[in-house]
Amino acid sequence: MPAARFLVGGKVQGVFFRASTREQALKLGLSGYAKNLPDGRVEVLAEGDAAALDALERWLHVGPPMARVGAVERTDAVERGSEQAFGIR
């Protein structure tokens, strides 16, 4: 199953970005997590259908209403298969 790691920069902490990402990922049937990084970015690791990963990436470029996304970096990730749902760390 495809997996991707996204690093999202901009005003993305303290604006419900992780919770909104979780909600979006669950709608898309993805597993993984979203977590704040010390440098102010949010890391998103998602696993699932390739089309769903693409849809999540499009959403990450916009984010929730209070966010101001500056950049989204995507890299392929190793399939984990261990998480059953999408969590917040």
PDB file of N, CA and C in Angstrom:
ATOM      1  N   MET A   1       0.853  -1.177   0.000  1.00  0.00           N
ATOM      2  CA  MET A   1       0.000   0.000   0.000  1.00  0.00           C
ATOM      3  C   MET A   1       0.902   1.244   0.000  1.00  0.00           C
ATOM      4  N   PRO A   2       0.614   2.226  -0.822  1.00  0.00           N
ATOM      5  CA  PRO A   2       1.440   3.434  -0.877  1.00  0.00           C
ATOM      6  C   PRO A   2       1.410   4.218   0.442  1.00  0.00           C
ATOM      7  N   ALA A   3       2.519   4.886   0.704  1.00  0.00           N
ATOM      8  CA  ALA A   3       2.619   5.736   1.893  1.00  0.00           C
ATOM      9  C   ALA A   3       3.402   6.985   1.517  1.00  0.00           C
ATOM     10  N   ALA A   4       3.090   8.097   2.181  1.00  0.00           N
ATOM     11  CA  ALA A   4       3.771   9.358   1.901  1.00  0.00           C
ATOM     12  C   ALA A   4       3.970  10.138   3.191  1.00  0.00           C
ATOM     13  N   ARG A   5       5.061  10.899   3.225  1.00  0.00           N
ATOM     14  CA  ARG A   5       5.354  11.798   4.340  1.00  0.00           C
ATOM     15  C   ARG A   5       5.262  13.216   3.807  1.00  0.00           C
ATOM     16  N   PHE A   6       4.499  14.043   4.502  1.00  0.00           N
ATOM     17  CA  PHE A   6       4.327  15.442   4.120  1.00  0.00           C
ATOM     18  C   PHE A   6       4.880  16.317   5.237  1.00  0.00           C
ATOM     19  N   LEU A   7       5.609  17.349   4.871  1.00  0.00           N
ATOM     20  CA  LEU A   7       6.041  18.374   5.813  1.00  0.00           C
ATOM     21  C   LEU A   7       5.343  19.663   5.399  1.00  0.00           C
ATOM     22  N   VAL A   8       4.531  20.197   6.302  1.00  0.00           N
ATOM     23  CA  VAL A   8       3.699  21.345   5.987  1.00  0.00           C
ATOM     24  C   VAL A   8       4.197  22.543   6.797  1.00  0.00           C
ATOM     25  N   GLY A   9       4.569  23.613   6.096  1.00  0.00           N
ATOM     26  CA  GLY A   9       5.075  24.807   6.744  1.00  0.00           C
ATOM     27  C   GLY A   9       4.126  25.982   6.601  1.00  0.00           C
ATOM     28  N   GLY A  10       4.372  27.003   7.384  1.00  0.00           N
ATOM     29  CA  GLY A  10       3.524  28.193   7.392  1.00  0.00           C
ATOM     30  C   GLY A  10       2.935  28.354   8.774  1.00  0.00           C
ATOM     31  N   LYS A  11       1.763  28.959   8.842  1.00  0.00           N
ATOM     32  CA  LYS A  11       1.048  29.076  10.121  1.00  0.00           C
ATOM     33  C   LYS A  11       0.168  27.837  10.253  1.00  0.00           C
ATOM     34  N   VAL A  12       0.774  26.778  10.795  1.00  0.00           N
ATOM     35  CA  VAL A  12       0.081  25.492  10.839  1.00  0.00           C
ATOM     36  C   VAL A  12       0.032  24.877  12.237  1.00  0.00           C
ATOM     37  N   GLN A  13       0.573  25.561  13.229  1.00  0.00           N
ATOM     38  CA  GLN A  13       0.454  25.084  14.608  1.00  0.00           C
ATOM     39  C   GLN A  13      -0.436  26.056  15.376  1.00  0.00           C
ATOM     40  N   GLY A  14      -1.291  25.479  16.225  1.00  0.00           N
ATOM     41  CA  GLY A  14      -2.204  26.303  17.015  1.00  0.00           C
ATOM     42  C   GLY A  14      -3.431  26.754  16.245  1.00  0.00           C
ATOM     43  N   VAL A  15      -3.709  26.111  15.117  1.00  0.00           N
ATOM     44  CA  VAL A  15      -4.860  26.501  14.284  1.00  0.00           C
ATOM     45  C   VAL A  15      -5.718  25.274  13.928  1.00  0.00           C
ATOM     46  N   PHE A  16      -5.650  24.236  14.754  1.00  0.00           N
ATOM     47  CA  PHE A  16      -6.412  22.989  14.564  1.00  0.00           C
ATOM     48  C   PHE A  16      -5.999  22.237  13.299  1.00  0.00           C
ATOM     49  N   PHE A  17      -4.749  22.427  12.879  1.00  0.00           N
ATOM     50  CA  PHE A  17      -4.282  21.779  11.648  1.00  0.00           C
ATOM     51  C   PHE A  17      -4.238  20.261  11.799  1.00  0.00           C
ATOM     52  N   ARG A  18      -3.693  19.768  12.912  1.00  0.00           N
ATOM     53  CA  ARG A  18      -3.593  18.313  13.088  1.00  0.00           C
ATOM     54  C   ARG A  18      -4.977  17.672  13.184  1.00  0.00           C
ATOM     55  N   ALA A  19      -5.867  18.264  13.946  1.00  0.00           N
ATOM     56  CA  ALA A  19      -7.212  17.699  14.099  1.00  0.00           C
ATOM     57  C   ALA A  19      -7.965  17.721  12.767  1.00  0.00           C
ATOM     58  N   SER A  20      -7.814  18.794  12.026  1.00  0.00           N
ATOM     59  CA  SER A  20      -8.484  18.891  10.726  1.00  0.00           C
ATOM     60  C   SER A  20      -7.874  17.905   9.735  1.00  0.00           C
ATOM     61  N   THR A  21      -6.559  17.705   9.817  1.00  0.00           N
ATOM     62  CA  THR A  21      -5.899  16.734   8.951  1.00  0.00           C
ATOM     63  C   THR A  21      -6.392  15.331   9.276  1.00  0.00           C
ATOM     64  N   ARG A  22      -6.524  15.037  10.548  1.00  0.00           N
ATOM     65  CA  ARG A  22      -7.041  13.725  10.963  1.00  0.00           C
ATOM     66  C   ARG A  22      -8.437  13.504  10.397  1.00  0.00           C
ATOM     67  N   GLU A  23      -9.281  14.489  10.528  1.00  0.00           N
ATOM     68  CA  GLU A  23     -10.654  14.386  10.017  1.00  0.00           C
ATOM     69  C   GLU A  23     -10.653  14.122   8.506  1.00  0.00           C
ATOM     70  N   GLN A  24      -9.827  14.852   7.778  1.00  0.00           N
ATOM     71  CA  GLN A  24      -9.748  14.691   6.333  1.00  0.00           C
ATOM     72  C   GLN A  24      -9.205  13.307   5.968  1.00  0.00           C
ATOM     73  N   ALA A  25      -8.162  12.875   6.669  1.00  0.00           N
ATOM     74  CA  ALA A  25      -7.557  11.568   6.387  1.00  0.00           C
ATOM     75  C   ALA A  25      -8.541  10.433   6.648  1.00  0.00           C
ATOM     76  N   LEU A  26      -9.303  10.538   7.732  1.00  0.00           N
ATOM     77  CA  LEU A  26     -10.292   9.509   8.029  1.00  0.00           C
ATOM     78  C   LEU A  26     -11.369   9.452   6.947  1.00  0.00           C
ATOM     79  N   LYS A  27     -11.799  10.604   6.452  1.00  0.00           N
ATOM     80  CA  LYS A  27     -12.778  10.641   5.354  1.00  0.00           C
ATOM     81  C   LYS A  27     -12.234   9.941   4.114  1.00  0.00           C
ATOM     82  N   LEU A  28     -10.909  10.049   3.915  1.00  0.00           N
ATOM     83  CA  LEU A  28     -10.272   9.458   2.741  1.00  0.00           C
ATOM     84  C   LEU A  28      -9.855   8.006   2.962  1.00  0.00           C
ATOM     85  N   GLY A  29     -10.070   7.484   4.164  1.00  0.00           N
ATOM     86  CA  GLY A  29      -9.723   6.099   4.456  1.00  0.00           C
ATOM     87  C   GLY A  29      -8.234   5.856   4.650  1.00  0.00           C
ATOM     88  N   LEU A  30      -7.503   6.895   5.078  1.00  0.00           N
ATOM     89  CA  LEU A  30      -6.064   6.776   5.269  1.00  0.00           C
ATOM     90  C   LEU A  30      -5.721   6.471   6.721  1.00  0.00           C
ATOM     91  N   SER A  31      -4.604   5.814   6.939  1.00  0.00           N
ATOM     92  CA  SER A  31      -4.078   5.625   8.286  1.00  0.00           C
ATOM     93  C   SER A  31      -2.793   6.434   8.408  1.00  0.00           C
ATOM     94  N   GLY A  32      -2.320   6.613   9.643  1.00  0.00           N
ATOM     95  CA  GLY A  32      -1.090   7.361   9.850  1.00  0.00           C
ATOM     96  C   GLY A  32      -1.214   8.312  11.009  1.00  0.00           C
ATOM     97  N   TYR A  33      -0.555   9.466  10.909  1.00  0.00           N
ATOM     98  CA  TYR A  33      -0.589  10.439  11.995  1.00  0.00           C
ATOM     99  C   TYR A  33      -0.203  11.824  11.505  1.00  0.00           C
ATOM    100  N   ALA A  34      -0.506  12.811  12.338  1.00  0.00           N
ATOM    101  CA  ALA A  34      -0.050  14.191  12.144  1.00  0.00           C
ATOM    102  C   ALA A  34       0.560  14.632  13.467  1.00  0.00           C
ATOM    103  N   LYS A  35       1.725  15.278  13.393  1.00  0.00           N
ATOM    104  CA  LYS A  35       2.351  15.764  14.628  1.00  0.00           C
ATOM    105  C   LYS A  35       3.077  17.074  14.391  1.00  0.00           C
ATOM    106  N   ASN A  36       3.108  17.893  15.439  1.00  0.00           N
ATOM    107  CA  ASN A  36       3.858  19.145  15.405  1.00  0.00           C
ATOM    108  C   ASN A  36       5.344  18.854  15.491  1.00  0.00           C
ATOM    109  N   LEU A  37       6.132  19.611  14.754  1.00  0.00           N
ATOM    110  CA  LEU A  37       7.582  19.521  14.824  1.00  0.00           C
ATOM    111  C   LEU A  37       8.129  20.742  15.558  1.00  0.00           C
ATOM    112  N   PRO A  38       9.287  20.620  16.191  1.00  0.00           N
ATOM    113  CA  PRO A  38       9.863  21.750  16.930  1.00  0.00           C
ATOM    114  C   PRO A  38      10.124  22.985  16.072  1.00  0.00           C
ATOM    115  N   ASP A  39      10.297  22.821  14.766  1.00  0.00           N
ATOM    116  CA  ASP A  39      10.593  23.966  13.898  1.00  0.00           C
ATOM    117  C   ASP A  39       9.344  24.702  13.410  1.00  0.00           C
ATOM    118  N   GLY A  40       8.156  24.318  13.920  1.00  0.00           N
ATOM    119  CA  GLY A  40       6.920  25.008  13.561  1.00  0.00           C
ATOM    120  C   GLY A  40       6.133  24.356  12.439  1.00  0.00           C
ATOM    121  N   ARG A  41       6.713  23.333  11.818  1.00  0.00           N
ATOM    122  CA  ARG A  41       5.986  22.626  10.767  1.00  0.00           C
ATOM    123  C   ARG A  41       5.152  21.499  11.365  1.00  0.00           C
ATOM    124  N   VAL A  42       4.287  20.930  10.529  1.00  0.00           N
ATOM    125  CA  VAL A  42       3.525  19.748  10.902  1.00  0.00           C
ATOM    126  C   VAL A  42       3.968  18.619   9.978  1.00  0.00           C
ATOM    127  N   GLU A  43       4.268  17.470  10.581  1.00  0.00           N
ATOM    128  CA  GLU A  43       4.599  16.269   9.816  1.00  0.00           C
ATOM    129  C   GLU A  43       3.347  15.419   9.704  1.00  0.00           C
ATOM    130  N   VAL A  44       3.060  14.967   8.490  1.00  0.00           N
ATOM    131  CA  VAL A  44       1.924  14.082   8.255  1.00  0.00           C
ATOM    132  C   VAL A  44       2.463  12.829   7.576  1.00  0.00           C
ATOM    133  N   LEU A  45       2.221  11.683   8.181  1.00  0.00           N
ATOM    134  CA  LEU A  45       2.560  10.410   7.567  1.00  0.00           C
ATOM    135  C   LEU A  45       1.251   9.714   7.274  1.00  0.00           C
ATOM    136  N   ALA A  46       1.015   9.396   6.011  1.00  0.00           N
ATOM    137  CA  ALA A  46      -0.256   8.800   5.624  1.00  0.00           C
ATOM    138  C   ALA A  46      -0.013   7.577   4.752  1.00  0.00           C
ATOM    139  N   GLU A  47      -0.888   6.602   4.904  1.00  0.00           N
ATOM    140  CA  GLU A  47      -0.796   5.356   4.153  1.00  0.00           C
ATOM    141  C   GLU A  47      -2.184   4.983   3.666  1.00  0.00           C
ATOM    142  N   GLY A  48      -2.264   4.560   2.407  1.00  0.00           N
ATOM    143  CA  GLY A  48      -3.547   4.145   1.852  1.00  0.00           C
ATOM    144  C   GLY A  48      -3.531   4.219   0.348  1.00  0.00           C
ATOM    145  N   ASP A  49      -4.693   4.311  -0.219  1.00  0.00           N
ATOM    146  CA  ASP A  49      -4.867   4.369  -1.662  1.00  0.00           C
ATOM    147  C   ASP A  49      -4.138   5.579  -2.253  1.00  0.00           C
ATOM    148  N   ALA A  50      -3.492   5.384  -3.403  1.00  0.00           N
ATOM    149  CA  ALA A  50      -2.712   6.463  -4.036  1.00  0.00           C
ATOM    150  C   ALA A  50      -3.575   7.685  -4.341  1.00  0.00           C
ATOM    151  N   ALA A  51      -4.804   7.475  -4.801  1.00  0.00           N
ATOM    152  CA  ALA A  51      -5.688   8.601  -5.110  1.00  0.00           C
ATOM    153  C   ALA A  51      -6.060   9.358  -3.828  1.00  0.00           C
ATOM    154  N   ALA A  52      -6.227   8.633  -2.730  1.00  0.00           N
ATOM    155  CA  ALA A  52      -6.545   9.275  -1.458  1.00  0.00           C
ATOM    156  C   ALA A  52      -5.356  10.088  -0.959  1.00  0.00           C
ATOM    157  N   LEU A  53      -4.142   9.581  -1.148  1.00  0.00           N
ATOM    158  CA  LEU A  53      -2.944  10.343  -0.769  1.00  0.00           C
ATOM    159  C   LEU A  53      -2.844  11.629  -1.578  1.00  0.00           C
ATOM    160  N   ASP A  54      -3.160  11.548  -2.862  1.00  0.00           N
ATOM    161  CA  ASP A  54      -3.145  12.746  -3.705  1.00  0.00           C
ATOM    162  C   ASP A  54      -4.189  13.752  -3.242  1.00  0.00           C
ATOM    163  N   ALA A  55      -5.374  13.249  -2.862  1.00  0.00           N
ATOM    164  CA  ALA A  55      -6.437  14.135  -2.375  1.00  0.00           C
ATOM    165  C   ALA A  55      -6.025  14.801  -1.058  1.00  0.00           C
ATOM    166  N   LEU A  56      -5.373  14.040  -0.170  1.00  0.00           N
ATOM    167  CA  LEU A  56      -4.894  14.625   1.074  1.00  0.00           C
ATOM    168  C   LEU A  56      -3.851  15.695   0.788  1.00  0.00           C
ATOM    169  N   GLU A  57      -2.959  15.434  -0.145  1.00  0.00           N
ATOM    170  CA  GLU A  57      -1.946  16.430  -0.481  1.00  0.00           C
ATOM    171  C   GLU A  57      -2.585  17.727  -0.971  1.00  0.00           C
ATOM    172  N   ARG A  58      -3.602  17.626  -1.810  1.00  0.00           N
ATOM    173  CA  ARG A  58      -4.296  18.834  -2.285  1.00  0.00           C
ATOM    174  C   ARG A  58      -4.905  19.587  -1.101  1.00  0.00           C
ATOM    175  N   TRP A  59      -5.509  18.847  -0.175  1.00  0.00           N
ATOM    176  CA  TRP A  59      -6.112  19.486   0.992  1.00  0.00           C
ATOM    177  C   TRP A  59      -5.052  20.150   1.863  1.00  0.00           C
ATOM    178  N   LEU A  60      -3.899  19.506   2.031  1.00  0.00           N
ATOM    179  CA  LEU A  60      -2.835  20.055   2.874  1.00  0.00           C
ATOM    180  C   LEU A  60      -2.335  21.401   2.364  1.00  0.00           C
ATOM    181  N   HIS A  61      -2.423  21.637   1.080  1.00  0.00           N
ATOM    182  CA  HIS A  61      -1.994  22.923   0.519  1.00  0.00           C
ATOM    183  C   HIS A  61      -2.915  24.064   0.967  1.00  0.00           C
ATOM    184  N   VAL A  62      -4.113  23.719   1.426  1.00  0.00           N
ATOM    185  CA  VAL A  62      -5.084  24.712   1.877  1.00  0.00           C
ATOM    186  C   VAL A  62      -5.222  24.673   3.398  1.00  0.00           C
ATOM    187  N   GLY A  63      -5.482  23.492   3.943  1.00  0.00           N
ATOM    188  CA  GLY A  63      -5.642  23.311   5.382  1.00  0.00           C
ATOM    189  C   GLY A  63      -6.934  23.893   5.911  1.00  0.00           C
ATOM    190  N   PRO A  64      -7.073  23.944   7.227  1.00  0.00           N
ATOM    191  CA  PRO A  64      -8.282  24.496   7.838  1.00  0.00           C
ATOM    192  C   PRO A  64      -8.316  26.018   7.694  1.00  0.00           C
ATOM    193  N   PRO A  65      -9.469  26.632   7.952  1.00  0.00           N
ATOM    194  CA  PRO A  65      -9.628  28.071   7.713  1.00  0.00           C
ATOM    195  C   PRO A  65      -8.610  28.981   8.395  1.00  0.00           C
ATOM    196  N   MET A  66      -8.155  28.670   9.592  1.00  0.00           N
ATOM    197  CA  MET A  66      -7.239  29.566  10.303  1.00  0.00           C
ATOM    198  C   MET A  66      -5.773  29.366   9.902  1.00  0.00           C
ATOM    199  N   ALA A  67      -5.495  28.314   9.160  1.00  0.00           N
ATOM    200  CA  ALA A  67      -4.112  28.032   8.750  1.00  0.00           C
ATOM    201  C   ALA A  67      -3.714  28.897   7.552  1.00  0.00           C
ATOM    202  N   ARG A  68      -2.419  29.108   7.436  1.00  0.00           N
ATOM    203  CA  ARG A  68      -1.834  29.784   6.275  1.00  0.00           C
ATOM    204  C   ARG A  68      -0.662  28.926   5.820  1.00  0.00           C
ATOM    205  N   VAL A  69      -0.940  28.018   4.898  1.00  0.00           N
ATOM    206  CA  VAL A  69       0.066  27.069   4.438  1.00  0.00           C
ATOM    207  C   VAL A  69       1.051  27.773   3.533  1.00  0.00           C
ATOM    208  N   GLY A  70       2.347  27.629   3.855  1.00  0.00           N
ATOM    209  CA  GLY A  70       3.396  28.245   3.053  1.00  0.00           C
ATOM    210  C   GLY A  70       4.040  27.268   2.098  1.00  0.00           C
ATOM    211  N   ALA A  71       4.142  26.007   2.501  1.00  0.00           N
ATOM    212  CA  ALA A  71       4.798  25.003   1.664  1.00  0.00           C
ATOM    213  C   ALA A  71       4.380  23.610   2.110  1.00  0.00           C
ATOM    214  N   VAL A  72       4.321  22.706   1.147  1.00  0.00           N
ATOM    215  CA  VAL A  72       4.067  21.299   1.426  1.00  0.00           C
ATOM    216  C   VAL A  72       5.120  20.496   0.673  1.00  0.00           C
ATOM    217  N   GLU A  73       5.908  19.732   1.413  1.00  0.00           N
ATOM    218  CA  GLU A  73       6.906  18.849   0.811  1.00  0.00           C
ATOM    219  C   GLU A  73       6.404  17.416   0.938  1.00  0.00           C
ATOM    220  N   ARG A  74       6.472  16.667  -0.155  1.00  0.00           N
ATOM    221  CA  ARG A  74       6.025  15.272  -0.136  1.00  0.00           C
ATOM    222  C   ARG A  74       7.177  14.357  -0.515  1.00  0.00           C
ATOM    223  N   THR A  75       7.345  13.310   0.259  1.00  0.00           N
ATOM    224  CA  THR A  75       8.303  12.264  -0.074  1.00  0.00           C
ATOM    225  C   THR A  75       7.619  10.918   0.112  1.00  0.00           C
ATOM    226  N   ASP A  76       8.075   9.927  -0.633  1.00  0.00           N
ATOM    227  CA  ASP A  76       7.560   8.576  -0.441  1.00  0.00           C
ATOM    228  C   ASP A  76       8.011   8.071   0.914  1.00  0.00           C
ATOM    229  N   ALA A  77       7.180   7.267   1.537  1.00  0.00           N
ATOM    230  CA  ALA A  77       7.502   6.701   2.842  1.00  0.00           C
ATOM    231  C   ALA A  77       7.385   5.187   2.755  1.00  0.00           C
ATOM    232  N   VAL A  78       7.998   4.529   3.701  1.00  0.00           N
ATOM    233  CA  VAL A  78       7.926   3.073   3.782  1.00  0.00           C
ATOM    234  C   VAL A  78       6.580   2.691   4.383  1.00  0.00           C
ATOM    235  N   GLU A  79       5.947   1.722   3.774  1.00  0.00           N
ATOM    236  CA  GLU A  79       4.668   1.238   4.290  1.00  0.00           C
ATOM    237  C   GLU A  79       4.859   0.731   5.712  1.00  0.00           C
ATOM    238  N   ARG A  80       3.987   1.163   6.598  1.00  0.00           N
ATOM    239  CA  ARG A  80       4.079   0.755   7.997  1.00  0.00           C
ATOM    240  C   ARG A  80       3.100  -0.353   8.322  1.00  0.00           C
ATOM    241  N   GLY A  81       1.861  -0.180   7.908  1.00  0.00           N
ATOM    242  CA  GLY A  81       0.856  -1.203   8.112  1.00  0.00           C
ATOM    243  C   GLY A  81       0.459  -1.448   9.562  1.00  0.00           C
ATOM    244  N   SER A  82       1.041  -0.726  10.499  1.00  0.00           N
ATOM    245  CA  SER A  82       0.779  -1.004  11.910  1.00  0.00           C
ATOM    246  C   SER A  82      -0.365  -0.181  12.486  1.00  0.00           C
ATOM    247  N   GLU A  83      -0.670   0.940  11.885  1.00  0.00           N
ATOM    248  CA  GLU A  83      -1.716   1.799  12.426  1.00  0.00           C
ATOM    249  C   GLU A  83      -3.055   1.488  11.758  1.00  0.00           C
ATOM    250  N   GLN A  84      -4.085   1.366  12.542  1.00  0.00           N
ATOM    251  CA  GLN A  84      -5.408   1.057  12.021  1.00  0.00           C
ATOM    252  C   GLN A  84      -6.208   2.304  11.696  1.00  0.00           C
ATOM    253  N   ALA A  85      -5.859   3.416  12.282  1.00  0.00           N
ATOM    254  CA  ALA A  85      -6.598   4.653  12.077  1.00  0.00           C
ATOM    255  C   ALA A  85      -5.592   5.792  11.941  1.00  0.00           C
ATOM    256  N   PHE A  86      -6.094   6.977  11.833  1.00  0.00           N
ATOM    257  CA  PHE A  86      -5.239   8.159  11.712  1.00  0.00           C
ATOM    258  C   PHE A  86      -5.229   8.866  13.046  1.00  0.00           C
ATOM    259  N   GLY A  87      -4.052   9.087  13.609  1.00  0.00           N
ATOM    260  CA  GLY A  87      -3.949   9.668  14.936  1.00  0.00           C
ATOM    261  C   GLY A  87      -3.244  11.000  14.961  1.00  0.00           C
ATOM    262  N   ILE A  88      -3.256  11.609  16.120  1.00  0.00           N
ATOM    263  CA  ILE A  88      -2.559  12.876  16.383  1.00  0.00           C
ATOM    264  C   ILE A  88      -1.502  12.592  17.426  1.00  0.00           C
ATOM    265  N   ARG A  89      -0.302  13.060  17.149  1.00  0.00           N
ATOM    266  CA  ARG A  89       0.792  12.859  18.110  1.00  0.00           C
ATOM    267  C   ARG A  89       1.250  14.178  18.646  1.00  0.00           C
TER     268      ARG A  89
END
